């Protein structure tokens, strides 16, 4: 699917630990739900002068959000994605997707229906 193709590309970005793409058929763009890589997130925080912030504050930071989105755009640029396939916005999620929260299947694949139910309202 298009969502999986975009997720595979976005997950190449070093700042991304996990990603789920909300592609709404009514919208002309996609929103990516991103669980950041905590190690590279801390590096990014120090590069942007936010090293004193807690992880919770970093997840809510517009500076961090914009920087991660910029890196995702750079990652996407090397692939032949159509403009509407490149995430226009991201939502930073602190809770990793796991079988325990039912966002991953027992075989560690994205549980798409659970993810859609949880994030589509946020992505709008």
PDB file of N, CA and C in Angstrom:
ATOM      1  N   UNK A   1       0.838  -1.200   0.000  1.00  0.00           N
ATOM      2  CA  UNK A   1       0.000   0.000   0.000  1.00  0.00           C
ATOM      3  C   UNK A   1       0.871   1.247   0.000  1.00  0.00           C
ATOM      4  N   UNK A   2       0.271   2.360  -0.378  1.00  0.00           N
ATOM      5  CA  UNK A   2       0.989   3.632  -0.393  1.00  0.00           C
ATOM      6  C   UNK A   2       1.481   3.985   0.998  1.00  0.00           C
ATOM      7  N   UNK A   3       0.639   3.754   2.018  1.00  0.00           N
ATOM      8  CA  UNK A   3       1.029   4.055   3.393  1.00  0.00           C
ATOM      9  C   UNK A   3       2.284   3.301   3.798  1.00  0.00           C
ATOM     10  N   UNK A   4       2.332   2.000   3.469  1.00  0.00           N
ATOM     11  CA  UNK A   4       3.501   1.189   3.824  1.00  0.00           C
ATOM     12  C   UNK A   4       4.733   1.669   3.088  1.00  0.00           C
ATOM     13  N   UNK A   5       4.584   2.030   1.814  1.00  0.00           N
ATOM     14  CA  UNK A   5       5.713   2.524   1.028  1.00  0.00           C
ATOM     15  C   UNK A   5       6.288   3.790   1.676  1.00  0.00           C
ATOM     16  N   UNK A   6       5.414   4.704   2.060  1.00  0.00           N
ATOM     17  CA  UNK A   6       5.856   5.954   2.694  1.00  0.00           C
ATOM     18  C   UNK A   6       6.501   5.653   4.044  1.00  0.00           C
ATOM     19  N   UNK A   7       5.898   4.755   4.824  1.00  0.00           N
ATOM     20  CA  UNK A   7       6.447   4.384   6.136  1.00  0.00           C
ATOM     21  C   UNK A   7       7.846   3.804   6.006  1.00  0.00           C
ATOM     22  N   UNK A   8       8.053   2.944   5.000  1.00  0.00           N
ATOM     23  CA  UNK A   8       9.373   2.346   4.794  1.00  0.00           C
ATOM     24  C   UNK A   8      10.417   3.414   4.497  1.00  0.00           C
ATOM     25  N   UNK A   9      10.046   4.407   3.720  1.00  0.00           N
ATOM     26  CA  UNK A   9      10.973   5.489   3.383  1.00  0.00           C
ATOM     27  C   UNK A   9      11.227   6.379   4.601  1.00  0.00           C
ATOM     28  N   UNK A  10      10.159   6.792   5.279  1.00  0.00           N
ATOM     29  CA  UNK A  10      10.297   7.678   6.446  1.00  0.00           C
ATOM     30  C   UNK A  10      11.114   7.007   7.542  1.00  0.00           C
ATOM     31  N   UNK A  11      10.969   5.679   7.688  1.00  0.00           N
ATOM     32  CA  UNK A  11      11.698   4.991   8.756  1.00  0.00           C
ATOM     33  C   UNK A  11      13.201   4.952   8.501  1.00  0.00           C
ATOM     34  N   UNK A  12      13.644   5.312   7.296  1.00  0.00           N
ATOM     35  CA  UNK A  12      15.082   5.429   7.008  1.00  0.00           C
ATOM     36  C   UNK A  12      15.679   6.655   7.703  1.00  0.00           C
ATOM     37  N   UNK A  13      14.836   7.611   8.079  1.00  0.00           N
ATOM     38  CA  UNK A  13      15.295   8.835   8.742  1.00  0.00           C
ATOM     39  C   UNK A  13      15.802   8.477  10.139  1.00  0.00           C
ATOM     40  N   UNK A  14      17.027   8.893  10.459  1.00  0.00           N
ATOM     41  CA  UNK A  14      17.651   8.547  11.724  1.00  0.00           C
ATOM     42  C   UNK A  14      16.926   9.042  12.967  1.00  0.00           C
ATOM     43  N   UNK A  15      16.059  10.040  12.810  1.00  0.00           N
ATOM     44  CA  UNK A  15      15.329  10.581  13.958  1.00  0.00           C
ATOM     45  C   UNK A  15      14.061   9.787  14.264  1.00  0.00           C
ATOM     46  N   UNK A  16      13.731   8.857  13.379  1.00  0.00           N
ATOM     47  CA  UNK A  16      12.462   8.122  13.486  1.00  0.00           C
ATOM     48  C   UNK A  16      12.699   6.704  13.991  1.00  0.00           C
ATOM     49  N   UNK A  17      12.019   6.347  15.079  1.00  0.00           N
ATOM     50  CA  UNK A  17      12.076   4.974  15.580  1.00  0.00           C
ATOM     51  C   UNK A  17      10.936   4.153  14.971  1.00  0.00           C
ATOM     52  N   UNK A  18       9.717   4.711  15.026  1.00  0.00           N
ATOM     53  CA  UNK A  18       8.545   4.048  14.438  1.00  0.00           C
ATOM     54  C   UNK A  18       7.699   5.107  13.745  1.00  0.00           C
ATOM     55  N   UNK A  19       6.974   4.686  12.718  1.00  0.00           N
ATOM     56  CA  UNK A  19       6.108   5.634  12.005  1.00  0.00           C
ATOM     57  C   UNK A  19       4.856   4.926  11.497  1.00  0.00           C
ATOM     58  N   UNK A  20       3.763   5.666  11.547  1.00  0.00           N
ATOM     59  CA  UNK A  20       2.497   5.233  10.948  1.00  0.00           C
ATOM     60  C   UNK A  20       1.977   6.413  10.152  1.00  0.00           C
ATOM     61  N   UNK A  21       1.592   6.161   8.911  1.00  0.00           N
ATOM     62  CA  UNK A  21       1.092   7.234   8.054  1.00  0.00           C
ATOM     63  C   UNK A  21      -0.428   7.205   8.012  1.00  0.00           C
ATOM     64  N   UNK A  22      -1.031   8.331   8.380  1.00  0.00           N
ATOM     65  CA  UNK A  22      -2.483   8.502   8.261  1.00  0.00           C
ATOM     66  C   UNK A  22      -2.752   9.126   6.898  1.00  0.00           C
ATOM     67  N   UNK A  23      -3.286   8.342   6.004  1.00  0.00           N
ATOM     68  CA  UNK A  23      -3.629   8.859   4.687  1.00  0.00           C
ATOM     69  C   UNK A  23      -5.148   8.927   4.615  1.00  0.00           C
ATOM     70  N   UNK A  24      -5.668  10.124   4.652  1.00  0.00           N
ATOM     71  CA  UNK A  24      -7.111  10.331   4.620  1.00  0.00           C
ATOM     72  C   UNK A  24      -7.519  10.552   3.168  1.00  0.00           C
ATOM     73  N   UNK A  25      -8.435   9.725   2.681  1.00  0.00           N
ATOM     74  CA  UNK A  25      -8.846   9.835   1.276  1.00  0.00           C
ATOM     75  C   UNK A  25      -9.485  11.190   0.979  1.00  0.00           C
ATOM     76  N   UNK A  26      -9.953  11.884   2.012  1.00  0.00           N
ATOM     77  CA  UNK A  26     -10.577  13.190   1.802  1.00  0.00           C
ATOM     78  C   UNK A  26      -9.546  14.318   1.728  1.00  0.00           C
ATOM     79  N   UNK A  27      -8.313  14.022   2.168  1.00  0.00           N
ATOM     80  CA  UNK A  27      -7.276  15.053   2.180  1.00  0.00           C
ATOM     81  C   UNK A  27      -6.283  14.790   1.053  1.00  0.00           C
ATOM     82  N   UNK A  28      -5.601  15.846   0.626  1.00  0.00           N
ATOM     83  CA  UNK A  28      -4.640  15.705  -0.461  1.00  0.00           C
ATOM     84  C   UNK A  28      -3.218  15.562   0.077  1.00  0.00           C
ATOM     85  N   UNK A  29      -3.087  15.191   1.350  1.00  0.00           N
ATOM     86  CA  UNK A  29      -1.763  15.021   1.933  1.00  0.00           C
ATOM     87  C   UNK A  29      -1.828  13.988   3.045  1.00  0.00           C
ATOM     88  N   UNK A  30      -0.662  13.568   3.512  1.00  0.00           N
ATOM     89  CA  UNK A  30      -0.617  12.588   4.593  1.00  0.00           C
ATOM     90  C   UNK A  30       0.006  13.204   5.842  1.00  0.00           C
ATOM     91  N   UNK A  31      -0.369  12.658   6.981  1.00  0.00           N
ATOM     92  CA  UNK A  31       0.194  13.038   8.272  1.00  0.00           C
ATOM     93  C   UNK A  31       0.901  11.798   8.809  1.00  0.00           C
ATOM     94  N   UNK A  32       2.122  11.969   9.318  1.00  0.00           N
ATOM     95  CA  UNK A  32       2.863  10.837   9.873  1.00  0.00           C
ATOM     96  C   UNK A  32       2.854  10.910  11.394  1.00  0.00           C
ATOM     97  N   UNK A  33       2.515   9.809  12.026  1.00  0.00           N
ATOM     98  CA  UNK A  33       2.623   9.671  13.480  1.00  0.00           C
ATOM     99  C   UNK A  33       4.018   9.096  13.710  1.00  0.00           C
ATOM    100  N   UNK A  34       4.863   9.839  14.421  1.00  0.00           N
ATOM    101  CA  UNK A  34       6.266   9.463  14.565  1.00  0.00           C
ATOM    102  C   UNK A  34       6.608   9.226  16.031  1.00  0.00           C
ATOM    103  N   UNK A  35       7.180   8.056  16.305  1.00  0.00           N
ATOM    104  CA  UNK A  35       7.798   7.800  17.603  1.00  0.00           C
ATOM    105  C   UNK A  35       9.286   8.086  17.375  1.00  0.00           C
ATOM    106  N   UNK A  36       9.796   9.201  17.935  1.00  0.00           N
ATOM    107  CA  UNK A  36      11.186   9.556  17.656  1.00  0.00           C
ATOM    108  C   UNK A  36      12.188   8.586  18.287  1.00  0.00           C
ATOM    109  N   UNK A  37      13.355   8.509  17.675  1.00  0.00           N
ATOM    110  CA  UNK A  37      14.486   7.783  18.236  1.00  0.00           C
ATOM    111  C   UNK A  37      15.023   8.648  19.374  1.00  0.00           C
ATOM    112  N   UNK A  38      14.971   8.147  20.607  1.00  0.00           N
ATOM    113  CA  UNK A  38      15.324   8.977  21.777  1.00  0.00           C
ATOM    114  C   UNK A  38      16.775   9.459  21.744  1.00  0.00           C
ATOM    115  N   UNK A  39      17.692   8.637  21.239  1.00  0.00           N
ATOM    116  CA  UNK A  39      19.106   9.020  21.198  1.00  0.00           C
ATOM    117  C   UNK A  39      19.320  10.193  20.247  1.00  0.00           C
ATOM    118  N   UNK A  40      18.794  10.070  19.018  1.00  0.00           N
ATOM    119  CA  UNK A  40      18.978  11.151  18.051  1.00  0.00           C
ATOM    120  C   UNK A  40      18.118  12.363  18.423  1.00  0.00           C
ATOM    121  N   UNK A  41      17.022  12.138  19.133  1.00  0.00           N
ATOM    122  CA  UNK A  41      16.189  13.256  19.610  1.00  0.00           C
ATOM    123  C   UNK A  41      16.989  14.120  20.593  1.00  0.00           C
ATOM    124  N   UNK A  42      17.738  13.474  21.493  1.00  0.00           N
ATOM    125  CA  UNK A  42      18.548  14.226  22.460  1.00  0.00           C
ATOM    126  C   UNK A  42      19.650  15.009  21.752  1.00  0.00           C
ATOM    127  N   UNK A  43      20.252  14.416  20.724  1.00  0.00           N
ATOM    128  CA  UNK A  43      21.267  15.114  19.931  1.00  0.00           C
ATOM    129  C   UNK A  43      20.648  16.334  19.256  1.00  0.00           C
ATOM    130  N   UNK A  44      19.466  16.143  18.669  1.00  0.00           N
ATOM    131  CA  UNK A  44      18.754  17.242  18.016  1.00  0.00           C
ATOM    132  C   UNK A  44      18.431  18.348  19.020  1.00  0.00           C
ATOM    133  N   UNK A  45      18.034  17.952  20.231  1.00  0.00           N
ATOM    134  CA  UNK A  45      17.713  18.937  21.274  1.00  0.00           C
ATOM    135  C   UNK A  45      18.935  19.801  21.581  1.00  0.00           C
ATOM    136  N   UNK A  46      20.111  19.188  21.689  1.00  0.00           N
ATOM    137  CA  UNK A  46      21.298  19.989  21.994  1.00  0.00           C
ATOM    138  C   UNK A  46      21.695  20.861  20.804  1.00  0.00           C
ATOM    139  N   UNK A  47      21.458  20.389  19.586  1.00  0.00           N
ATOM    140  CA  UNK A  47      21.770  21.189  18.391  1.00  0.00           C
ATOM    141  C   UNK A  47      20.846  22.407  18.271  1.00  0.00           C
ATOM    142  N   UNK A  48      19.656  22.307  18.839  1.00  0.00           N
ATOM    143  CA  UNK A  48      18.683  23.396  18.721  1.00  0.00           C
ATOM    144  C   UNK A  48      18.569  24.210  20.014  1.00  0.00           C
ATOM    145  N   UNK A  49      19.498  23.979  20.948  1.00  0.00           N
ATOM    146  CA  UNK A  49      19.507  24.751  22.186  1.00  0.00           C
ATOM    147  C   UNK A  49      18.419  24.346  23.173  1.00  0.00           C
ATOM    148  N   UNK A  50      17.888  23.127  23.016  1.00  0.00           N
ATOM    149  CA  UNK A  50      16.794  22.672  23.885  1.00  0.00           C
ATOM    150  C   UNK A  50      17.236  21.537  24.806  1.00  0.00           C
ATOM    151  N   UNK A  51      18.562  21.430  25.070  1.00  0.00           N
ATOM    152  CA  UNK A  51      19.047  20.296  25.860  1.00  0.00           C
ATOM    153  C   UNK A  51      18.522  20.289  27.293  1.00  0.00           C
ATOM    154  N   UNK A  52      18.015  21.442  27.787  1.00  0.00           N
ATOM    155  CA  UNK A  52      17.474  21.497  29.147  1.00  0.00           C
ATOM    156  C   UNK A  52      16.022  21.007  29.232  1.00  0.00           C
ATOM    157  N   UNK A  53      15.407  20.754  28.097  1.00  0.00           N
ATOM    158  CA  UNK A  53      13.998  20.346  28.074  1.00  0.00           C
ATOM    159  C   UNK A  53      13.858  18.866  28.434  1.00  0.00           C
ATOM    160  N   UNK A  54      12.745  18.519  29.071  1.00  0.00           N
ATOM    161  CA  UNK A  54      12.445  17.105  29.332  1.00  0.00           C
ATOM    162  C   UNK A  54      12.008  16.465  28.013  1.00  0.00           C
ATOM    163  N   UNK A  55      12.025  15.138  27.978  1.00  0.00           N
ATOM    164  CA  UNK A  55      11.548  14.442  26.773  1.00  0.00           C
ATOM    165  C   UNK A  55      10.113  14.849  26.460  1.00  0.00           C
ATOM    166  N   UNK A  56       9.287  14.945  27.499  1.00  0.00           N
ATOM    167  CA  UNK A  56       7.884  15.332  27.299  1.00  0.00           C
ATOM    168  C   UNK A  56       7.786  16.704  26.627  1.00  0.00           C
ATOM    169  N   UNK A  57       8.636  17.637  27.061  1.00  0.00           N
ATOM    170  CA  UNK A  57       8.631  18.979  26.454  1.00  0.00           C
ATOM    171  C   UNK A  57       9.118  18.927  25.008  1.00  0.00           C
ATOM    172  N   UNK A  58      10.103  18.059  24.754  1.00  0.00           N
ATOM    173  CA  UNK A  58      10.625  17.944  23.386  1.00  0.00           C
ATOM    174  C   UNK A  58       9.550  17.424  22.434  1.00  0.00           C
ATOM    175  N   UNK A  59       8.736  16.458  22.902  1.00  0.00           N
ATOM    176  CA  UNK A  59       7.679  15.914  22.044  1.00  0.00           C
ATOM    177  C   UNK A  59       6.663  16.991  21.665  1.00  0.00           C
ATOM    178  N   UNK A  60       6.509  17.990  22.518  1.00  0.00           N
ATOM    179  CA  UNK A  60       5.524  19.058  22.248  1.00  0.00           C
ATOM    180  C   UNK A  60       6.147  20.271  21.566  1.00  0.00           C
ATOM    181  N   UNK A  61       7.477  20.265  21.409  1.00  0.00           N
ATOM    182  CA  UNK A  61       8.188  21.430  20.869  1.00  0.00           C
ATOM    183  C   UNK A  61       7.961  21.591  19.365  1.00  0.00           C
ATOM    184  N   UNK A  62       7.532  22.796  18.969  1.00  0.00           N
ATOM    185  CA  UNK A  62       7.338  23.085  17.544  1.00  0.00           C
ATOM    186  C   UNK A  62       8.684  23.099  16.817  1.00  0.00           C
ATOM    187  N   UNK A  63       9.753  23.518  17.510  1.00  0.00           N
ATOM    188  CA  UNK A  63      11.099  23.544  16.909  1.00  0.00           C
ATOM    189  C   UNK A  63      11.532  22.115  16.564  1.00  0.00           C
ATOM    190  N   UNK A  64      11.340  21.204  17.517  1.00  0.00           N
ATOM    191  CA  UNK A  64      11.706  19.795  17.306  1.00  0.00           C
ATOM    192  C   UNK A  64      10.833  19.191  16.204  1.00  0.00           C
ATOM    193  N   UNK A  65       9.541  19.463  16.256  1.00  0.00           N
ATOM    194  CA  UNK A  65       8.612  18.939  15.253  1.00  0.00           C
ATOM    195  C   UNK A  65       9.053  19.383  13.857  1.00  0.00           C
ATOM    196  N   UNK A  66       9.347  20.676  13.707  1.00  0.00           N
ATOM    197  CA  UNK A  66       9.763  21.210  12.397  1.00  0.00           C
ATOM    198  C   UNK A  66      11.081  20.603  11.942  1.00  0.00           C
ATOM    199  N   UNK A  67      12.019  20.415  12.893  1.00  0.00           N
ATOM    200  CA  UNK A  67      13.325  19.853  12.541  1.00  0.00           C
ATOM    201  C   UNK A  67      13.187  18.396  12.084  1.00  0.00           C
ATOM    202  N   UNK A  68      12.369  17.614  12.795  1.00  0.00           N
ATOM    203  CA  UNK A  68      12.161  16.213  12.397  1.00  0.00           C
ATOM    204  C   UNK A  68      11.440  16.150  11.055  1.00  0.00           C
ATOM    205  N   UNK A  69      10.435  17.001  10.871  1.00  0.00           N
ATOM    206  CA  UNK A  69       9.715  17.030   9.589  1.00  0.00           C
ATOM    207  C   UNK A  69      10.683  17.388   8.457  1.00  0.00           C
ATOM    208  N   UNK A  70      11.589  18.332   8.714  1.00  0.00           N
ATOM    209  CA  UNK A  70      12.595  18.710   7.710  1.00  0.00           C
ATOM    210  C   UNK A  70      13.483  17.537   7.336  1.00  0.00           C
ATOM    211  N   UNK A  71      13.903  16.767   8.342  1.00  0.00           N
ATOM    212  CA  UNK A  71      14.746  15.584   8.081  1.00  0.00           C
ATOM    213  C   UNK A  71      13.960  14.516   7.325  1.00  0.00           C
ATOM    214  N   UNK A  72      12.689  14.376   7.648  1.00  0.00           N
ATOM    215  CA  UNK A  72      11.833  13.420   6.919  1.00  0.00           C
ATOM    216  C   UNK A  72      11.724  13.850   5.458  1.00  0.00           C
ATOM    217  N   UNK A  73      11.566  15.147   5.229  1.00  0.00           N
ATOM    218  CA  UNK A  73      11.489  15.648   3.849  1.00  0.00           C
ATOM    219  C   UNK A  73      12.784  15.360   3.094  1.00  0.00           C
ATOM    220  N   UNK A  74      13.932  15.535   3.777  1.00  0.00           N
ATOM    221  CA  UNK A  74      15.225  15.226   3.130  1.00  0.00           C
ATOM    222  C   UNK A  74      15.300  13.742   2.792  1.00  0.00           C
ATOM    223  N   UNK A  75      14.845  12.891   3.708  1.00  0.00           N
ATOM    224  CA  UNK A  75      14.851  11.442   3.472  1.00  0.00           C
ATOM    225  C   UNK A  75      13.951  11.104   2.285  1.00  0.00           C
ATOM    226  N   UNK A  76      12.780  11.735   2.227  1.00  0.00           N
ATOM    227  CA  UNK A  76      11.821  11.472   1.139  1.00  0.00           C
ATOM    228  C   UNK A  76      12.334  11.973  -0.210  1.00  0.00           C
ATOM    229  N   UNK A  77      13.171  13.026  -0.186  1.00  0.00           N
ATOM    230  CA  UNK A  77      13.642  13.640  -1.429  1.00  0.00           C
ATOM    231  C   UNK A  77      14.437  12.664  -2.292  1.00  0.00           C
ATOM    232  N   UNK A  78      15.104  11.709  -1.653  1.00  0.00           N
ATOM    233  CA  UNK A  78      15.895  10.748  -2.410  1.00  0.00           C
ATOM    234  C   UNK A  78      15.067   9.657  -3.075  1.00  0.00           C
ATOM    235  N   UNK A  79      13.786   9.651  -2.838  1.00  0.00           N
ATOM    236  CA  UNK A  79      12.890   8.626  -3.386  1.00  0.00           C
ATOM    237  C   UNK A  79      11.880   9.320  -4.296  1.00  0.00           C
ATOM    238  N   UNK A  80      11.402   8.590  -5.276  1.00  0.00           N
ATOM    239  CA  UNK A  80      10.452   9.215  -6.192  1.00  0.00           C
ATOM    240  C   UNK A  80       9.032   9.160  -5.637  1.00  0.00           C
ATOM    241  N   UNK A  81       8.792  10.016  -4.658  1.00  0.00           N
ATOM    242  CA  UNK A  81       7.443  10.112  -4.106  1.00  0.00           C
ATOM    243  C   UNK A  81       6.715  11.259  -4.788  1.00  0.00           C
ATOM    244  N   UNK A  82       5.417  11.087  -4.961  1.00  0.00           N
ATOM    245  CA  UNK A  82       4.609  12.189  -5.484  1.00  0.00           C
ATOM    246  C   UNK A  82       4.395  13.189  -4.353  1.00  0.00           C
ATOM    247  N   UNK A  83       4.192  14.459  -4.681  1.00  0.00           N
ATOM    248  CA  UNK A  83       4.088  15.484  -3.631  1.00  0.00           C
ATOM    249  C   UNK A  83       3.083  15.145  -2.529  1.00  0.00           C
ATOM    250  N   UNK A  84       1.943  14.555  -2.882  1.00  0.00           N
ATOM    251  CA  UNK A  84       0.929  14.256  -1.863  1.00  0.00           C
ATOM    252  C   UNK A  84       1.328  13.077  -0.972  1.00  0.00           C
ATOM    253  N   UNK A  85       2.379  12.326  -1.365  1.00  0.00           N
ATOM    254  CA  UNK A  85       2.823  11.192  -0.553  1.00  0.00           C
ATOM    255  C   UNK A  85       3.800  11.610   0.548  1.00  0.00           C
ATOM    256  N   UNK A  86       4.365  12.796   0.422  1.00  0.00           N
ATOM    257  CA  UNK A  86       5.336  13.274   1.408  1.00  0.00           C
ATOM    258  C   UNK A  86       4.569  13.861   2.590  1.00  0.00           C
ATOM    259  N   UNK A  87       4.830  13.373   3.812  1.00  0.00           N
ATOM    260  CA  UNK A  87       4.073  13.895   4.962  1.00  0.00           C
ATOM    261  C   UNK A  87       4.170  15.420   5.054  1.00  0.00           C
ATOM    262  N   UNK A  88       3.015  16.050   5.192  1.00  0.00           N
ATOM    263  CA  UNK A  88       2.973  17.502   5.303  1.00  0.00           C
ATOM    264  C   UNK A  88       3.054  17.930   6.768  1.00  0.00           C
ATOM    265  N   UNK A  89       2.676  17.007   7.653  1.00  0.00           N
ATOM    266  CA  UNK A  89       2.714  17.297   9.083  1.00  0.00           C
ATOM    267  C   UNK A  89       3.049  16.002   9.811  1.00  0.00           C
ATOM    268  N   UNK A  90       3.597  16.157  11.027  1.00  0.00           N
ATOM    269  CA  UNK A  90       3.855  14.987  11.859  1.00  0.00           C
ATOM    270  C   UNK A  90       3.316  15.236  13.250  1.00  0.00           C
ATOM    271  N   UNK A  91       2.988  14.147  13.900  1.00  0.00           N
ATOM    272  CA  UNK A  91       2.576  14.191  15.308  1.00  0.00           C
ATOM    273  C   UNK A  91       3.591  13.327  16.043  1.00  0.00           C
ATOM    274  N   UNK A  92       4.242  13.895  17.053  1.00  0.00           N
ATOM    275  CA  UNK A  92       5.252  13.147  17.800  1.00  0.00           C
ATOM    276  C   UNK A  92       4.596  12.392  18.950  1.00  0.00           C
ATOM    277  N   UNK A  93       4.797  11.099  18.952  1.00  0.00           N
ATOM    278  CA  UNK A  93       4.203  10.204  19.949  1.00  0.00           C
ATOM    279  C   UNK A  93       5.306   9.685  20.857  1.00  0.00           C
ATOM    280  N   UNK A  94       5.106   9.826  22.170  1.00  0.00           N
ATOM    281  CA  UNK A  94       6.119   9.365  23.124  1.00  0.00           C
ATOM    282  C   UNK A  94       5.996   7.875  23.432  1.00  0.00           C
ATOM    283  N   UNK A  95       4.814   7.321  23.256  1.00  0.00           N
ATOM    284  CA  UNK A  95       4.591   5.904  23.591  1.00  0.00           C
ATOM    285  C   UNK A  95       4.872   5.022  22.370  1.00  0.00           C
ATOM    286  N   UNK A  96       5.904   4.174  22.447  1.00  0.00           N
ATOM    287  CA  UNK A  96       6.189   3.306  21.293  1.00  0.00           C
ATOM    288  C   UNK A  96       5.018   2.374  20.982  1.00  0.00           C
ATOM    289  N   UNK A  97       4.857   2.066  19.708  1.00  0.00           N
ATOM    290  CA  UNK A  97       3.845   1.097  19.292  1.00  0.00           C
ATOM    291  C   UNK A  97       4.321  -0.271  19.784  1.00  0.00           C
ATOM    292  N   UNK A  98       3.425  -1.049  20.389  1.00  0.00           N
ATOM    293  CA  UNK A  98       3.813  -2.368  20.904  1.00  0.00           C
ATOM    294  C   UNK A  98       2.607  -3.305  20.871  1.00  0.00           C
ATOM    295  N   UNK A  99       2.862  -4.626  20.985  1.00  0.00           N
ATOM    296  CA  UNK A  99       1.726  -5.545  21.079  1.00  0.00           C
ATOM    297  C   UNK A  99       0.893  -5.274  22.334  1.00  0.00           C
ATOM    298  N   UNK A 100       1.540  -4.780  23.408  1.00  0.00           N
ATOM    299  CA  UNK A 100       0.829  -4.522  24.665  1.00  0.00           C
ATOM    300  C   UNK A 100      -0.240  -3.436  24.502  1.00  0.00           C
ATOM    301  N   UNK A 101       0.084  -2.367  23.752  1.00  0.00           N
ATOM    302  CA  UNK A 101      -0.929  -1.320  23.555  1.00  0.00           C
ATOM    303  C   UNK A 101      -1.746  -1.575  22.278  1.00  0.00           C
ATOM    304  N   UNK A 102      -1.550  -2.760  21.713  1.00  0.00           N
ATOM    305  CA  UNK A 102      -2.299  -3.234  20.533  1.00  0.00           C
ATOM    306  C   UNK A 102      -2.053  -2.413  19.273  1.00  0.00           C
ATOM    307  N   UNK A 103      -0.955  -1.647  19.257  1.00  0.00           N
ATOM    308  CA  UNK A 103      -0.632  -0.873  18.063  1.00  0.00           C
ATOM    309  C   UNK A 103       0.309  -1.656  17.141  1.00  0.00           C
ATOM    310  N   UNK A 104       0.831  -2.770  17.667  1.00  0.00           N
ATOM    311  CA  UNK A 104       1.568  -3.732  16.843  1.00  0.00           C
ATOM    312  C   UNK A 104       0.887  -5.083  17.003  1.00  0.00           C
ATOM    313  N   UNK A 105       0.957  -5.887  15.959  1.00  0.00           N
ATOM    314  CA  UNK A 105       0.429  -7.247  16.038  1.00  0.00           C
ATOM    315  C   UNK A 105       1.418  -8.097  16.846  1.00  0.00           C
ATOM    316  N   UNK A 106       1.028  -9.315  17.243  1.00  0.00           N
ATOM    317  CA  UNK A 106       1.975 -10.190  17.951  1.00  0.00           C
ATOM    318  C   UNK A 106       3.256 -10.453  17.138  1.00  0.00           C
ATOM    319  N   UNK A 107       3.178 -10.336  15.807  1.00  0.00           N
ATOM    320  CA  UNK A 107       4.377 -10.526  14.970  1.00  0.00           C
ATOM    321  C   UNK A 107       5.072  -9.186  14.674  1.00  0.00           C
ATOM    322  N   UNK A 108       4.750  -8.153  15.455  1.00  0.00           N
ATOM    323  CA  UNK A 108       5.404  -6.847  15.401  1.00  0.00           C
ATOM    324  C   UNK A 108       5.202  -6.090  14.082  1.00  0.00           C
ATOM    325  N   UNK A 109       4.067  -6.325  13.458  1.00  0.00           N
ATOM    326  CA  UNK A 109       3.683  -5.515  12.305  1.00  0.00           C
ATOM    327  C   UNK A 109       2.720  -4.435  12.818  1.00  0.00           C
ATOM    328  N   UNK A 110       2.624  -3.330  12.090  1.00  0.00           N
ATOM    329  CA  UNK A 110       1.695  -2.272  12.488  1.00  0.00           C
ATOM    330  C   UNK A 110       0.265  -2.804  12.468  1.00  0.00           C
ATOM    331  N   UNK A 111      -0.463  -2.549  13.532  1.00  0.00           N
ATOM    332  CA  UNK A 111      -1.861  -2.927  13.606  1.00  0.00           C
ATOM    333  C   UNK A 111      -2.666  -1.747  13.050  1.00  0.00           C
ATOM    334  N   UNK A 112      -2.852  -1.756  11.734  1.00  0.00           N
ATOM    335  CA  UNK A 112      -3.361  -0.567  11.032  1.00  0.00           C
ATOM    336  C   UNK A 112      -4.708  -0.076  11.538  1.00  0.00           C
ATOM    337  N   UNK A 113      -5.632  -0.985  11.789  1.00  0.00           N
ATOM    338  CA  UNK A 113      -6.961  -0.558  12.228  1.00  0.00           C
ATOM    339  C   UNK A 113      -6.881   0.130  13.594  1.00  0.00           C
ATOM    340  N   UNK A 114      -6.122  -0.453  14.531  1.00  0.00           N
ATOM    341  CA  UNK A 114      -5.958   0.164  15.856  1.00  0.00           C
ATOM    342  C   UNK A 114      -5.289   1.524  15.739  1.00  0.00           C
ATOM    343  N   UNK A 115      -4.259   1.605  14.892  1.00  0.00           N
ATOM    344  CA  UNK A 115      -3.547   2.874  14.703  1.00  0.00           C
ATOM    345  C   UNK A 115      -4.471   3.928  14.091  1.00  0.00           C
ATOM    346  N   UNK A 116      -5.261   3.524  13.087  1.00  0.00           N
ATOM    347  CA  UNK A 116      -6.202   4.465  12.463  1.00  0.00           C
ATOM    348  C   UNK A 116      -7.216   4.971  13.481  1.00  0.00           C
ATOM    349  N   UNK A 117      -7.767   4.045  14.274  1.00  0.00           N
ATOM    350  CA  UNK A 117      -8.765   4.443  15.259  1.00  0.00           C
ATOM    351  C   UNK A 117      -8.181   5.420  16.274  1.00  0.00           C
ATOM    352  N   UNK A 118      -6.928   5.188  16.648  1.00  0.00           N
ATOM    353  CA  UNK A 118      -6.302   6.040  17.661  1.00  0.00           C
ATOM    354  C   UNK A 118      -5.856   7.391  17.104  1.00  0.00           C
ATOM    355  N   UNK A 119      -5.304   7.398  15.888  1.00  0.00           N
ATOM    356  CA  UNK A 119      -4.638   8.617  15.395  1.00  0.00           C
ATOM    357  C   UNK A 119      -5.387   9.414  14.335  1.00  0.00           C
ATOM    358  N   UNK A 120      -6.336   8.802  13.629  1.00  0.00           N
ATOM    359  CA  UNK A 120      -7.029   9.587  12.603  1.00  0.00           C
ATOM    360  C   UNK A 120      -7.682  10.862  13.166  1.00  0.00           C
ATOM    361  N   UNK A 121      -8.291  10.811  14.378  1.00  0.00           N
ATOM    362  CA  UNK A 121      -8.853  12.063  14.912  1.00  0.00           C
ATOM    363  C   UNK A 121      -7.776  13.126  15.157  1.00  0.00           C
ATOM    364  N   UNK A 122      -6.587  12.706  15.570  1.00  0.00           N
ATOM    365  CA  UNK A 122      -5.480  13.648  15.828  1.00  0.00           C
ATOM    366  C   UNK A 122      -4.952  14.214  14.508  1.00  0.00           C
ATOM    367  N   UNK A 123      -4.926  13.367  13.484  1.00  0.00           N
ATOM    368  CA  UNK A 123      -4.323  13.742  12.207  1.00  0.00           C
ATOM    369  C   UNK A 123      -5.150  14.745  11.411  1.00  0.00           C
ATOM    370  N   UNK A 124      -6.409  14.905  11.795  1.00  0.00           N
ATOM    371  CA  UNK A 124      -7.272  15.799  11.004  1.00  0.00           C
ATOM    372  C   UNK A 124      -6.986  17.247  11.293  1.00  0.00           C
TER     373      UNK A 124
END
